[in-house]
């Protein structure tokens, strides 16, 4: 089903945000929080010890398209019958 692009008069209306772990890559939303967010990413990289690549994704750009990271990657679930 196609979902129309909804506009909100220039303001972002955040209803949710998500992240994605895929093939040892962790895609996390980047909210533009500057140094706080940079420290968060650095700490996460240290804690994971190189086991996963951390990839920040500009959440504002994704949200402006009415979606989250799962939407950008086209993640769907199959239901077993």
PDB file of N, CA and C in Angstrom:
ATOM      1  N   UNK A   1       0.846  -1.168   0.000  1.00  0.00           N
ATOM      2  CA  UNK A   1       0.000   0.000   0.000  1.00  0.00           C
ATOM      3  C   UNK A   1       0.891   1.230   0.000  1.00  0.00           C
ATOM      4  N   UNK A   2       0.619   2.160  -0.865  1.00  0.00           N
ATOM      5  CA  UNK A   2       1.354   3.421  -0.875  1.00  0.00           C
ATOM      6  C   UNK A   2       0.787   4.355   0.188  1.00  0.00           C
ATOM      7  N   UNK A   3       1.678   5.002   0.896  1.00  0.00           N
ATOM      8  CA  UNK A   3       1.279   5.953   1.929  1.00  0.00           C
ATOM      9  C   UNK A   3       1.659   7.344   1.445  1.00  0.00           C
ATOM     10  N   UNK A   4       0.728   8.284   1.441  1.00  0.00           N
ATOM     11  CA  UNK A   4       1.043   9.621   0.934  1.00  0.00           C
ATOM     12  C   UNK A   4       2.015  10.357   1.840  1.00  0.00           C
ATOM     13  N   UNK A   5       2.779  11.266   1.239  1.00  0.00           N
ATOM     14  CA  UNK A   5       3.669  12.123   2.018  1.00  0.00           C
ATOM     15  C   UNK A   5       2.807  13.202   2.667  1.00  0.00           C
ATOM     16  N   UNK A   6       2.829  13.248   3.974  1.00  0.00           N
ATOM     17  CA  UNK A   6       2.006  14.217   4.705  1.00  0.00           C
ATOM     18  C   UNK A   6       2.869  15.398   5.109  1.00  0.00           C
ATOM     19  N   UNK A   7       2.359  16.589   4.941  1.00  0.00           N
ATOM     20  CA  UNK A   7       3.100  17.778   5.353  1.00  0.00           C
ATOM     21  C   UNK A   7       2.461  18.342   6.613  1.00  0.00           C
ATOM     22  N   UNK A   8       3.279  19.071   7.356  1.00  0.00           N
ATOM     23  CA  UNK A   8       2.776  19.626   8.613  1.00  0.00           C
ATOM     24  C   UNK A   8       3.095  21.107   8.714  1.00  0.00           C
ATOM     25  N   UNK A   9       3.108  21.788   7.589  1.00  0.00           N
ATOM     26  CA  UNK A   9       3.377  23.218   7.612  1.00  0.00           C
ATOM     27  C   UNK A   9       4.817  23.550   7.939  1.00  0.00           C
ATOM     28  N   UNK A  10       5.750  22.653   7.612  1.00  0.00           N
ATOM     29  CA  UNK A  10       7.160  22.920   7.853  1.00  0.00           C
ATOM     30  C   UNK A  10       7.692  22.379   9.164  1.00  0.00           C
ATOM     31  N   UNK A  11       6.836  21.997  10.079  1.00  0.00           N
ATOM     32  CA  UNK A  11       7.282  21.461  11.359  1.00  0.00           C
ATOM     33  C   UNK A  11       7.312  19.949  11.293  1.00  0.00           C
ATOM     34  N   UNK A  12       8.338  19.355  11.922  1.00  0.00           N
ATOM     35  CA  UNK A  12       8.378  17.899  12.002  1.00  0.00           C
ATOM     36  C   UNK A  12       7.492  17.444  13.152  1.00  0.00           C
ATOM     37  N   UNK A  13       6.642  16.504  12.886  1.00  0.00           N
ATOM     38  CA  UNK A  13       5.789  15.904  13.913  1.00  0.00           C
ATOM     39  C   UNK A  13       6.324  14.512  14.177  1.00  0.00           C
ATOM     40  N   UNK A  14       7.046  14.361  15.273  1.00  0.00           N
ATOM     41  CA  UNK A  14       7.671  13.080  15.577  1.00  0.00           C
ATOM     42  C   UNK A  14       6.682  12.187  16.303  1.00  0.00           C
ATOM     43  N   UNK A  15       6.401  11.035  15.699  1.00  0.00           N
ATOM     44  CA  UNK A  15       5.520  10.085  16.357  1.00  0.00           C
ATOM     45  C   UNK A  15       6.318   8.911  16.912  1.00  0.00           C
ATOM     46  N   UNK A  16       7.444   8.591  16.285  1.00  0.00           N
ATOM     47  CA  UNK A  16       8.324   7.535  16.774  1.00  0.00           C
ATOM     48  C   UNK A  16       9.666   7.660  16.073  1.00  0.00           C
ATOM     49  N   UNK A  17      10.627   6.974  16.616  1.00  0.00           N
ATOM     50  CA  UNK A  17      11.937   6.881  15.982  1.00  0.00           C
ATOM     51  C   UNK A  17      12.482   5.510  16.351  1.00  0.00           C
ATOM     52  N   UNK A  18      13.207   4.893  15.455  1.00  0.00           N
ATOM     53  CA  UNK A  18      13.730   3.569  15.764  1.00  0.00           C
ATOM     54  C   UNK A  18      15.161   3.430  15.259  1.00  0.00           C
ATOM     55  N   UNK A  19      15.735   2.272  15.530  1.00  0.00           N
ATOM     56  CA  UNK A  19      17.093   1.978  15.099  1.00  0.00           C
ATOM     57  C   UNK A  19      17.082   0.638  14.378  1.00  0.00           C
ATOM     58  N   UNK A  20      18.252   0.237  13.862  1.00  0.00           N
ATOM     59  CA  UNK A  20      18.298  -1.004  13.099  1.00  0.00           C
ATOM     60  C   UNK A  20      19.661  -1.657  13.268  1.00  0.00           C
ATOM     61  N   UNK A  21      19.644  -2.947  13.596  1.00  0.00           N
ATOM     62  CA  UNK A  21      20.853  -3.757  13.658  1.00  0.00           C
ATOM     63  C   UNK A  21      20.801  -4.706  12.474  1.00  0.00           C
ATOM     64  N   UNK A  22      21.816  -4.609  11.590  1.00  0.00           N
ATOM     65  CA  UNK A  22      21.820  -5.406  10.369  1.00  0.00           C
ATOM     66  C   UNK A  22      23.255  -5.782  10.022  1.00  0.00           C
ATOM     67  N   UNK A  23      23.537  -7.070   9.981  1.00  0.00           N
ATOM     68  CA  UNK A  23      24.865  -7.571   9.592  1.00  0.00           C
ATOM     69  C   UNK A  23      26.016  -6.843  10.280  1.00  0.00           C
ATOM     70  N   UNK A  24      26.025  -6.858  11.585  1.00  0.00           N
ATOM     71  CA  UNK A  24      27.089  -6.232  12.382  1.00  0.00           C
ATOM     72  C   UNK A  24      27.214  -4.723  12.175  1.00  0.00           C
ATOM     73  N   UNK A  25      26.148  -4.133  11.684  1.00  0.00           N
ATOM     74  CA  UNK A  25      26.079  -2.673  11.561  1.00  0.00           C
ATOM     75  C   UNK A  25      24.879  -2.189  12.364  1.00  0.00           C
ATOM     76  N   UNK A  26      25.145  -1.212  13.212  1.00  0.00           N
ATOM     77  CA  UNK A  26      24.073  -0.643  14.030  1.00  0.00           C
ATOM     78  C   UNK A  26      23.780   0.763  13.509  1.00  0.00           C
ATOM     79  N   UNK A  27      22.619   0.926  12.883  1.00  0.00           N
ATOM     80  CA  UNK A  27      22.172   2.225  12.374  1.00  0.00           C
ATOM     81  C   UNK A  27      21.357   2.887  13.473  1.00  0.00           C
ATOM     82  N   UNK A  28      21.859   3.992  13.962  1.00  0.00           N
ATOM     83  CA  UNK A  28      21.163   4.675  15.059  1.00  0.00           C
ATOM     84  C   UNK A  28      20.750   6.078  14.628  1.00  0.00           C
ATOM     85  N   UNK A  29      19.629   6.548  15.155  1.00  0.00           N
ATOM     86  CA  UNK A  29      19.189   7.892  14.791  1.00  0.00           C
ATOM     87  C   UNK A  29      20.125   8.950  15.357  1.00  0.00           C
ATOM     88  N   UNK A  30      20.465   9.918  14.544  1.00  0.00           N
ATOM     89  CA  UNK A  30      21.244  11.057  14.979  1.00  0.00           C
ATOM     90  C   UNK A  30      20.289  12.245  15.058  1.00  0.00           C
ATOM     91  N   UNK A  31      20.191  12.837  16.235  1.00  0.00           N
ATOM     92  CA  UNK A  31      19.207  13.892  16.465  1.00  0.00           C
ATOM     93  C   UNK A  31      19.804  15.293  16.433  1.00  0.00           C
ATOM     94  N   UNK A  32      21.096  15.397  16.117  1.00  0.00           N
ATOM     95  CA  UNK A  32      21.726  16.718  16.059  1.00  0.00           C
ATOM     96  C   UNK A  32      21.959  17.321  17.428  1.00  0.00           C
ATOM     97  N   UNK A  33      22.342  16.496  18.403  1.00  0.00           N
ATOM     98  CA  UNK A  33      22.540  16.963  19.775  1.00  0.00           C
ATOM     99  C   UNK A  33      23.984  17.350  20.076  1.00  0.00           C
ATOM    100  N   UNK A  34      24.791  17.472  19.036  1.00  0.00           N
ATOM    101  CA  UNK A  34      26.155  17.967  19.191  1.00  0.00           C
ATOM    102  C   UNK A  34      27.052  17.070  20.009  1.00  0.00           C
ATOM    103  N   UNK A  35      27.798  17.690  20.929  1.00  0.00           N
ATOM    104  CA  UNK A  35      28.807  16.967  21.711  1.00  0.00           C
ATOM    105  C   UNK A  35      28.212  15.843  22.556  1.00  0.00           C
ATOM    106  N   UNK A  36      27.034  16.055  23.091  1.00  0.00           N
ATOM    107  CA  UNK A  36      26.394  15.001  23.880  1.00  0.00           C
ATOM    108  C   UNK A  36      26.233  13.743  23.041  1.00  0.00           C
ATOM    109  N   UNK A  37      25.735  13.919  21.845  1.00  0.00           N
ATOM    110  CA  UNK A  37      25.514  12.778  20.957  1.00  0.00           C
ATOM    111  C   UNK A  37      26.843  12.171  20.488  1.00  0.00           C
ATOM    112  N   UNK A  38      27.826  12.997  20.240  1.00  0.00           N
ATOM    113  CA  UNK A  38      29.151  12.495  19.852  1.00  0.00           C
ATOM    114  C   UNK A  38      29.745  11.632  20.955  1.00  0.00           C
ATOM    115  N   UNK A  39      29.600  12.055  22.214  1.00  0.00           N
ATOM    116  CA  UNK A  39      30.090  11.254  23.345  1.00  0.00           C
ATOM    117  C   UNK A  39      29.319   9.949  23.463  1.00  0.00           C
ATOM    118  N   UNK A  40      28.007  10.014  23.242  1.00  0.00           N
ATOM    119  CA  UNK A  40      27.177   8.816  23.295  1.00  0.00           C
ATOM    120  C   UNK A  40      27.646   7.784  22.258  1.00  0.00           C
ATOM    121  N   UNK A  41      27.887   8.234  21.036  1.00  0.00           N
ATOM    122  CA  UNK A  41      28.347   7.335  19.968  1.00  0.00           C
ATOM    123  C   UNK A  41      29.728   6.785  20.306  1.00  0.00           C
ATOM    124  N   UNK A  42      30.640   7.636  20.795  1.00  0.00           N
ATOM    125  CA  UNK A  42      31.988   7.180  21.162  1.00  0.00           C
ATOM    126  C   UNK A  42      31.925   6.143  22.274  1.00  0.00           C
ATOM    127  N   UNK A  43      31.097   6.384  23.282  1.00  0.00           N
ATOM    128  CA  UNK A  43      30.952   5.427  24.388  1.00  0.00           C
ATOM    129  C   UNK A  43      30.381   4.106  23.891  1.00  0.00           C
ATOM    130  N   UNK A  44      29.419   4.177  23.007  1.00  0.00           N
ATOM    131  CA  UNK A  44      28.817   2.964  22.462  1.00  0.00           C
ATOM    132  C   UNK A  44      29.847   2.172  21.661  1.00  0.00           C
ATOM    133  N   UNK A  45      30.638   2.864  20.862  1.00  0.00           N
ATOM    134  CA  UNK A  45      31.703   2.191  20.096  1.00  0.00           C
ATOM    135  C   UNK A  45      32.692   1.501  21.036  1.00  0.00           C
ATOM    136  N   UNK A  46      33.067   2.190  22.113  1.00  0.00           N
ATOM    137  CA  UNK A  46      33.996   1.604  23.088  1.00  0.00           C
ATOM    138  C   UNK A  46      33.396   0.367  23.738  1.00  0.00           C
ATOM    139  N   UNK A  47      32.136   0.468  24.157  1.00  0.00           N
ATOM    140  CA  UNK A  47      31.483  -0.654  24.835  1.00  0.00           C
ATOM    141  C   UNK A  47      31.333  -1.863  23.918  1.00  0.00           C
ATOM    142  N   UNK A  48      31.100  -1.624  22.643  1.00  0.00           N
ATOM    143  CA  UNK A  48      30.921  -2.732  21.702  1.00  0.00           C
ATOM    144  C   UNK A  48      32.258  -3.301  21.222  1.00  0.00           C
ATOM    145  N   UNK A  49      33.342  -2.600  21.499  1.00  0.00           N
ATOM    146  CA  UNK A  49      34.669  -3.109  21.225  1.00  0.00           C
ATOM    147  C   UNK A  49      34.934  -3.497  19.781  1.00  0.00           C
ATOM    148  N   UNK A  50      34.336  -2.793  18.840  1.00  0.00           N
ATOM    149  CA  UNK A  50      34.584  -3.080  17.435  1.00  0.00           C
ATOM    150  C   UNK A  50      33.788  -4.247  16.875  1.00  0.00           C
ATOM    151  N   UNK A  51      32.938  -4.848  17.689  1.00  0.00           N
ATOM    152  CA  UNK A  51      32.130  -5.972  17.192  1.00  0.00           C
ATOM    153  C   UNK A  51      31.066  -5.518  16.204  1.00  0.00           C
ATOM    154  N   UNK A  52      30.651  -4.253  16.318  1.00  0.00           N
ATOM    155  CA  UNK A  52      29.635  -3.693  15.429  1.00  0.00           C
ATOM    156  C   UNK A  52      30.102  -2.332  14.937  1.00  0.00           C
ATOM    157  N   UNK A  53      29.757  -2.016  13.711  1.00  0.00           N
ATOM    158  CA  UNK A  53      30.015  -0.685  13.175  1.00  0.00           C
ATOM    159  C   UNK A  53      28.823   0.191  13.542  1.00  0.00           C
ATOM    160  N   UNK A  54      29.072   1.349  14.125  1.00  0.00           N
ATOM    161  CA  UNK A  54      28.017   2.275  14.517  1.00  0.00           C
ATOM    162  C   UNK A  54      27.859   3.303  13.400  1.00  0.00           C
ATOM    163  N   UNK A  55      26.644   3.411  12.873  1.00  0.00           N
ATOM    164  CA  UNK A  55      26.388   4.330  11.773  1.00  0.00           C
ATOM    165  C   UNK A  55      25.250   5.279  12.158  1.00  0.00           C
ATOM    166  N   UNK A  56      25.579   6.518  12.554  1.00  0.00           N
ATOM    167  CA  UNK A  56      24.533   7.494  12.845  1.00  0.00           C
ATOM    168  C   UNK A  56      23.824   7.912  11.549  1.00  0.00           C
ATOM    169  N   UNK A  57      22.514   8.035  11.620  1.00  0.00           N
ATOM    170  CA  UNK A  57      21.702   8.430  10.463  1.00  0.00           C
ATOM    171  C   UNK A  57      20.903   9.665  10.856  1.00  0.00           C
ATOM    172  N   UNK A  58      20.914  10.675  10.010  1.00  0.00           N
ATOM    173  CA  UNK A  58      20.210  11.935  10.273  1.00  0.00           C
ATOM    174  C   UNK A  58      18.709  11.682  10.422  1.00  0.00           C
ATOM    175  N   UNK A  59      18.237  11.682  11.662  1.00  0.00           N
ATOM    176  CA  UNK A  59      16.834  11.380  11.944  1.00  0.00           C
ATOM    177  C   UNK A  59      15.892  12.437  11.391  1.00  0.00           C
ATOM    178  N   UNK A  60      16.319  13.685  11.350  1.00  0.00           N
ATOM    179  CA  UNK A  60      15.445  14.745  10.841  1.00  0.00           C
ATOM    180  C   UNK A  60      15.087  14.500   9.371  1.00  0.00           C
ATOM    181  N   UNK A  61      16.080  14.080   8.607  1.00  0.00           N
ATOM    182  CA  UNK A  61      15.837  13.811   7.185  1.00  0.00           C
ATOM    183  C   UNK A  61      14.869  12.632   7.016  1.00  0.00           C
ATOM    184  N   UNK A  62      15.066  11.592   7.805  1.00  0.00           N
ATOM    185  CA  UNK A  62      14.203  10.414   7.725  1.00  0.00           C
ATOM    186  C   UNK A  62      12.781  10.760   8.178  1.00  0.00           C
ATOM    187  N   UNK A  63      12.677  11.495   9.272  1.00  0.00           N
ATOM    188  CA  UNK A  63      11.357  11.869   9.792  1.00  0.00           C
ATOM    189  C   UNK A  63      10.616  12.804   8.848  1.00  0.00           C
ATOM    190  N   UNK A  64      11.356  13.619   8.108  1.00  0.00           N
ATOM    191  CA  UNK A  64      10.713  14.524   7.148  1.00  0.00           C
ATOM    192  C   UNK A  64      10.041  13.741   6.020  1.00  0.00           C
ATOM    193  N   UNK A  65      10.447  12.486   5.859  1.00  0.00           N
ATOM    194  CA  UNK A  65       9.828  11.623   4.860  1.00  0.00           C
ATOM    195  C   UNK A  65       8.773  10.715   5.497  1.00  0.00           C
ATOM    196  N   UNK A  66       8.330  11.082   6.712  1.00  0.00           N
ATOM    197  CA  UNK A  66       7.275  10.347   7.428  1.00  0.00           C
ATOM    198  C   UNK A  66       7.661   8.914   7.751  1.00  0.00           C
ATOM    199  N   UNK A  67       8.873   8.692   8.211  1.00  0.00           N
ATOM    200  CA  UNK A  67       9.256   7.326   8.537  1.00  0.00           C
ATOM    201  C   UNK A  67      10.341   7.251   9.574  1.00  0.00           C
ATOM    202  N   UNK A  68      10.753   6.030   9.859  1.00  0.00           N
ATOM    203  CA  UNK A  68      11.872   5.740  10.743  1.00  0.00           C
ATOM    204  C   UNK A  68      12.893   4.951   9.962  1.00  0.00           C
ATOM    205  N   UNK A  69      13.929   4.506  10.633  1.00  0.00           N
ATOM    206  CA  UNK A  69      14.979   3.760   9.951  1.00  0.00           C
ATOM    207  C   UNK A  69      14.461   2.463   9.340  1.00  0.00           C
ATOM    208  N   UNK A  70      13.531   1.805  10.008  1.00  0.00           N
ATOM    209  CA  UNK A  70      12.962   0.578   9.430  1.00  0.00           C
ATOM    210  C   UNK A  70      12.296   0.879   8.092  1.00  0.00           C
ATOM    211  N   UNK A  71      11.649   2.029   7.983  1.00  0.00           N
ATOM    212  CA  UNK A  71      10.990   2.412   6.733  1.00  0.00           C
ATOM    213  C   UNK A  71      12.012   2.665   5.627  1.00  0.00           C
ATOM    214  N   UNK A  72      13.097   3.352   5.965  1.00  0.00           N
ATOM    215  CA  UNK A  72      14.127   3.672   4.981  1.00  0.00           C
ATOM    216  C   UNK A  72      14.717   2.398   4.392  1.00  0.00           C
ATOM    217  N   UNK A  73      14.902   1.393   5.237  1.00  0.00           N
ATOM    218  CA  UNK A  73      15.482   0.131   4.777  1.00  0.00           C
ATOM    219  C   UNK A  73      14.435  -0.812   4.196  1.00  0.00           C
ATOM    220  N   UNK A  74      13.170  -0.476   4.303  1.00  0.00           N
ATOM    221  CA  UNK A  74      12.116  -1.314   3.735  1.00  0.00           C
ATOM    222  C   UNK A  74      11.957  -2.633   4.468  1.00  0.00           C
ATOM    223  N   UNK A  75      12.149  -2.620   5.777  1.00  0.00           N
ATOM    224  CA  UNK A  75      12.042  -3.849   6.571  1.00  0.00           C
ATOM    225  C   UNK A  75      10.576  -4.288   6.634  1.00  0.00           C
ATOM    226  N   UNK A  76      10.346  -5.526   6.293  1.00  0.00           N
ATOM    227  CA  UNK A  76       9.002  -6.116   6.394  1.00  0.00           C
ATOM    228  C   UNK A  76       9.124  -7.444   7.135  1.00  0.00           C
ATOM    229  N   UNK A  77       8.029  -7.900   7.666  1.00  0.00           N
ATOM    230  CA  UNK A  77       7.998  -9.191   8.362  1.00  0.00           C
ATOM    231  C   UNK A  77       7.146 -10.160   7.568  1.00  0.00           C
ATOM    232  N   UNK A  78       7.639 -11.370   7.500  1.00  0.00           N
ATOM    233  CA  UNK A  78       6.848 -12.425   6.877  1.00  0.00           C
ATOM    234  C   UNK A  78       6.134 -13.181   7.990  1.00  0.00           C
ATOM    235  N   UNK A  79       4.888 -13.470   7.752  1.00  0.00           N
ATOM    236  CA  UNK A  79       4.093 -14.218   8.719  1.00  0.00           C
ATOM    237  C   UNK A  79       3.955 -15.639   8.215  1.00  0.00           C
ATOM    238  N   UNK A  80       4.410 -16.573   9.065  1.00  0.00           N
ATOM    239  CA  UNK A  80       4.300 -17.969   8.667  1.00  0.00           C
ATOM    240  C   UNK A  80       2.851 -18.408   8.735  1.00  0.00           C
ATOM    241  N   UNK A  81       2.459 -19.208   7.760  1.00  0.00           N
ATOM    242  CA  UNK A  81       1.065 -19.694   7.726  1.00  0.00           C
ATOM    243  C   UNK A  81       1.005 -21.111   8.242  1.00  0.00           C
TER     244      UNK A  81
END
